[in-house]
Amino acid sequence: MPVTSFQADYKAWLAADPPHYIVLLRAQVALAWLDRGRALRGLVEKDVTEEDMPESEERAPQIIGCG
């Protein structure tokens, strides 16, 4: 299997830096994604009240089947 330039660069970087730096970098990336997920979840979640619910079936969303 031929080695891509990315793989060659990664192997050179891995050889130049001790592995603990890679572990720390991965941990920082994971924490950043977790923080982003928490922030987005706060924007998406909201309490559903009776005002948000349709009063009758006429106003309810219609589900259209395909078959």
N, C-alpha and C. Protein backbone atom coordinates (compact mmCIF):
# COMPACT_ATOMS: atom_id res chain seq x y z
N MET A 1 0.85 -1.18 0.00
CA MET A 1 0.00 0.00 0.00
C MET A 1 0.90 1.24 0.00
N PRO A 2 0.71 2.13 -0.95
CA PRO A 2 1.53 3.34 -1.00
C PRO A 2 1.20 4.29 0.15
N VAL A 3 2.21 5.00 0.60
CA VAL A 3 2.05 5.95 1.70
C VAL A 3 1.74 7.32 1.11
N THR A 4 0.66 7.93 1.60
CA THR A 4 0.30 9.27 1.13
C THR A 4 1.20 10.30 1.78
N SER A 5 1.18 11.51 1.22
CA SER A 5 2.01 12.57 1.80
C SER A 5 1.55 12.91 3.21
N PHE A 6 0.24 12.81 3.46
CA PHE A 6 -0.27 13.06 4.81
C PHE A 6 0.29 12.04 5.79
N GLN A 7 0.27 10.77 5.39
CA GLN A 7 0.79 9.72 6.26
C GLN A 7 2.28 9.92 6.52
N ALA A 8 3.01 10.31 5.49
CA ALA A 8 4.45 10.54 5.66
C ALA A 8 4.69 11.72 6.60
N ASP A 9 3.92 12.80 6.42
CA ASP A 9 4.04 13.96 7.31
C ASP A 9 3.70 13.58 8.75
N TYR A 10 2.64 12.78 8.90
CA TYR A 10 2.21 12.36 10.24
C TYR A 10 3.29 11.51 10.90
N LYS A 11 3.87 10.58 10.15
CA LYS A 11 4.93 9.73 10.71
C LYS A 11 6.15 10.56 11.09
N ALA A 12 6.49 11.55 10.27
CA ALA A 12 7.62 12.43 10.60
C ALA A 12 7.32 13.25 11.84
N TRP A 13 6.10 13.75 11.93
CA TRP A 13 5.70 14.53 13.11
C TRP A 13 5.70 13.66 14.36
N LEU A 14 5.22 12.43 14.21
CA LEU A 14 5.18 11.49 15.33
C LEU A 14 6.60 11.16 15.80
N ALA A 15 7.52 11.02 14.87
CA ALA A 15 8.90 10.71 15.23
C ALA A 15 9.57 11.91 15.90
N ALA A 16 9.18 13.12 15.52
CA ALA A 16 9.81 14.32 16.07
C ALA A 16 9.29 14.68 17.46
N ASP A 17 8.01 14.41 17.72
CA ASP A 17 7.40 14.78 18.99
C ASP A 17 7.17 13.54 19.85
N PRO A 18 7.41 13.64 21.13
CA PRO A 18 7.10 12.52 22.02
C PRO A 18 5.60 12.24 22.03
N PRO A 19 5.20 11.00 22.19
CA PRO A 19 3.78 10.64 22.15
C PRO A 19 2.91 11.37 23.17
N HIS A 20 3.47 11.78 24.31
CA HIS A 20 2.60 12.43 25.30
C HIS A 20 2.04 13.75 24.78
N TYR A 21 2.75 14.41 23.85
CA TYR A 21 2.21 15.63 23.25
C TYR A 21 0.96 15.31 22.42
N ILE A 22 0.99 14.17 21.75
CA ILE A 22 -0.16 13.77 20.94
C ILE A 22 -1.36 13.48 21.85
N VAL A 23 -1.12 12.82 22.96
CA VAL A 23 -2.20 12.53 23.91
C VAL A 23 -2.80 13.83 24.43
N LEU A 24 -1.95 14.80 24.78
CA LEU A 24 -2.45 16.08 25.27
C LEU A 24 -3.23 16.81 24.18
N LEU A 25 -2.75 16.77 22.95
CA LEU A 25 -3.45 17.43 21.85
C LEU A 25 -4.82 16.80 21.63
N ARG A 26 -4.87 15.48 21.65
CA ARG A 26 -6.15 14.80 21.47
C ARG A 26 -7.10 15.13 22.61
N ALA A 27 -6.59 15.22 23.83
CA ALA A 27 -7.43 15.58 24.97
C ALA A 27 -7.97 17.00 24.82
N GLN A 28 -7.14 17.92 24.34
CA GLN A 28 -7.60 19.30 24.14
C GLN A 28 -8.68 19.36 23.06
N VAL A 29 -8.50 18.61 22.00
CA VAL A 29 -9.50 18.59 20.93
C VAL A 29 -10.81 17.99 21.45
N ALA A 30 -10.71 16.91 22.21
CA ALA A 30 -11.91 16.28 22.76
C ALA A 30 -12.65 17.24 23.70
N LEU A 31 -11.91 17.94 24.55
CA LEU A 31 -12.55 18.90 25.46
C LEU A 31 -13.21 20.03 24.68
N ALA A 32 -12.58 20.49 23.62
CA ALA A 32 -13.17 21.56 22.81
C ALA A 32 -14.49 21.09 22.19
N TRP A 33 -14.52 19.84 21.70
CA TRP A 33 -15.75 19.33 21.11
C TRP A 33 -16.83 19.14 22.17
N LEU A 34 -16.44 18.69 23.36
CA LEU A 34 -17.43 18.54 24.44
C LEU A 34 -18.01 19.89 24.83
N ASP A 35 -17.16 20.91 24.94
CA ASP A 35 -17.64 22.25 25.27
C ASP A 35 -18.58 22.76 24.19
N ARG A 36 -18.24 22.52 22.95
CA ARG A 36 -19.09 22.97 21.84
C ARG A 36 -20.43 22.24 21.88
N GLY A 37 -20.39 20.95 22.16
CA GLY A 37 -21.63 20.18 22.25
C GLY A 37 -22.53 20.67 23.36
N ARG A 38 -21.93 20.98 24.52
CA ARG A 38 -22.73 21.51 25.63
C ARG A 38 -23.35 22.85 25.26
N ALA A 39 -22.60 23.69 24.59
CA ALA A 39 -23.12 25.01 24.19
C ALA A 39 -24.26 24.85 23.19
N LEU A 40 -24.10 23.97 22.22
CA LEU A 40 -25.15 23.77 21.23
C LEU A 40 -26.38 23.13 21.86
N ARG A 41 -26.18 22.22 22.79
CA ARG A 41 -27.31 21.57 23.44
C ARG A 41 -28.14 22.60 24.20
N GLY A 42 -27.47 23.57 24.82
CA GLY A 42 -28.19 24.62 25.54
C GLY A 42 -29.03 25.47 24.61
N LEU A 43 -28.57 25.65 23.37
CA LEU A 43 -29.34 26.43 22.41
C LEU A 43 -30.53 25.65 21.87
N VAL A 44 -30.36 24.35 21.73
CA VAL A 44 -31.40 23.53 21.11
C VAL A 44 -32.50 23.17 22.10
N GLU A 45 -32.12 22.84 23.34
CA GLU A 45 -33.11 22.41 24.32
C GLU A 45 -33.98 23.57 24.77
N LYS A 46 -35.23 23.30 24.92
CA LYS A 46 -36.14 24.27 25.52
C LYS A 46 -37.32 23.49 26.08
N ASP A 47 -37.99 24.09 27.01
CA ASP A 47 -39.16 23.44 27.59
C ASP A 47 -40.33 23.59 26.63
N VAL A 48 -41.03 22.50 26.43
CA VAL A 48 -42.21 22.54 25.58
C VAL A 48 -43.41 22.78 26.49
N THR A 49 -44.13 23.82 26.20
CA THR A 49 -45.32 24.15 26.99
C THR A 49 -46.56 23.84 26.18
N GLU A 50 -47.71 23.98 26.81
CA GLU A 50 -48.96 23.74 26.10
C GLU A 50 -49.14 24.74 24.96
N GLU A 51 -48.56 25.91 25.09
CA GLU A 51 -48.67 26.92 24.04
C GLU A 51 -47.97 26.46 22.76
N ASP A 52 -46.96 25.61 22.91
CA ASP A 52 -46.23 25.11 21.74
C ASP A 52 -46.97 23.99 21.03
N MET A 53 -47.95 23.40 21.71
CA MET A 53 -48.66 22.27 21.14
C MET A 53 -49.85 22.76 20.32
N PRO A 54 -50.16 22.09 19.21
CA PRO A 54 -51.33 22.48 18.43
C PRO A 54 -52.61 22.21 19.21
N GLU A 55 -53.60 23.08 19.02
CA GLU A 55 -54.85 22.95 19.75
C GLU A 55 -55.76 21.90 19.14
N SER A 56 -55.67 21.70 17.86
CA SER A 56 -56.54 20.73 17.21
C SER A 56 -55.74 19.95 16.18
N GLU A 57 -56.39 18.90 15.67
CA GLU A 57 -55.72 18.09 14.66
C GLU A 57 -55.51 18.87 13.37
N GLU A 58 -56.34 19.88 13.14
CA GLU A 58 -56.20 20.67 11.92
C GLU A 58 -54.88 21.44 11.89
N ARG A 59 -54.43 21.86 13.07
CA ARG A 59 -53.18 22.63 13.14
C ARG A 59 -51.97 21.73 13.34
N ALA A 60 -52.22 20.45 13.61
CA ALA A 60 -51.12 19.52 13.86
C ALA A 60 -50.37 19.24 12.56
N PRO A 61 -49.08 18.99 12.65
CA PRO A 61 -48.32 18.65 11.44
C PRO A 61 -48.85 17.34 10.84
N GLN A 62 -48.94 17.31 9.55
CA GLN A 62 -49.43 16.12 8.86
C GLN A 62 -48.25 15.24 8.47
N ILE A 63 -48.38 13.96 8.74
CA ILE A 63 -47.35 13.00 8.36
C ILE A 63 -47.82 12.31 7.09
N ILE A 64 -47.03 12.44 6.06
CA ILE A 64 -47.40 11.88 4.76
C ILE A 64 -46.52 10.66 4.52
N GLY A 65 -47.14 9.51 4.36
CA GLY A 65 -46.40 8.29 4.11
C GLY A 65 -46.02 8.17 2.64
N CYS A 66 -45.06 7.33 2.37
CA CYS A 66 -44.66 7.15 0.97
C CYS A 66 -44.80 5.68 0.61
N GLY A 67 -45.99 5.19 0.72
CA GLY A 67 -46.13 3.83 0.30
C GLY A 67 -47.47 3.36 0.49
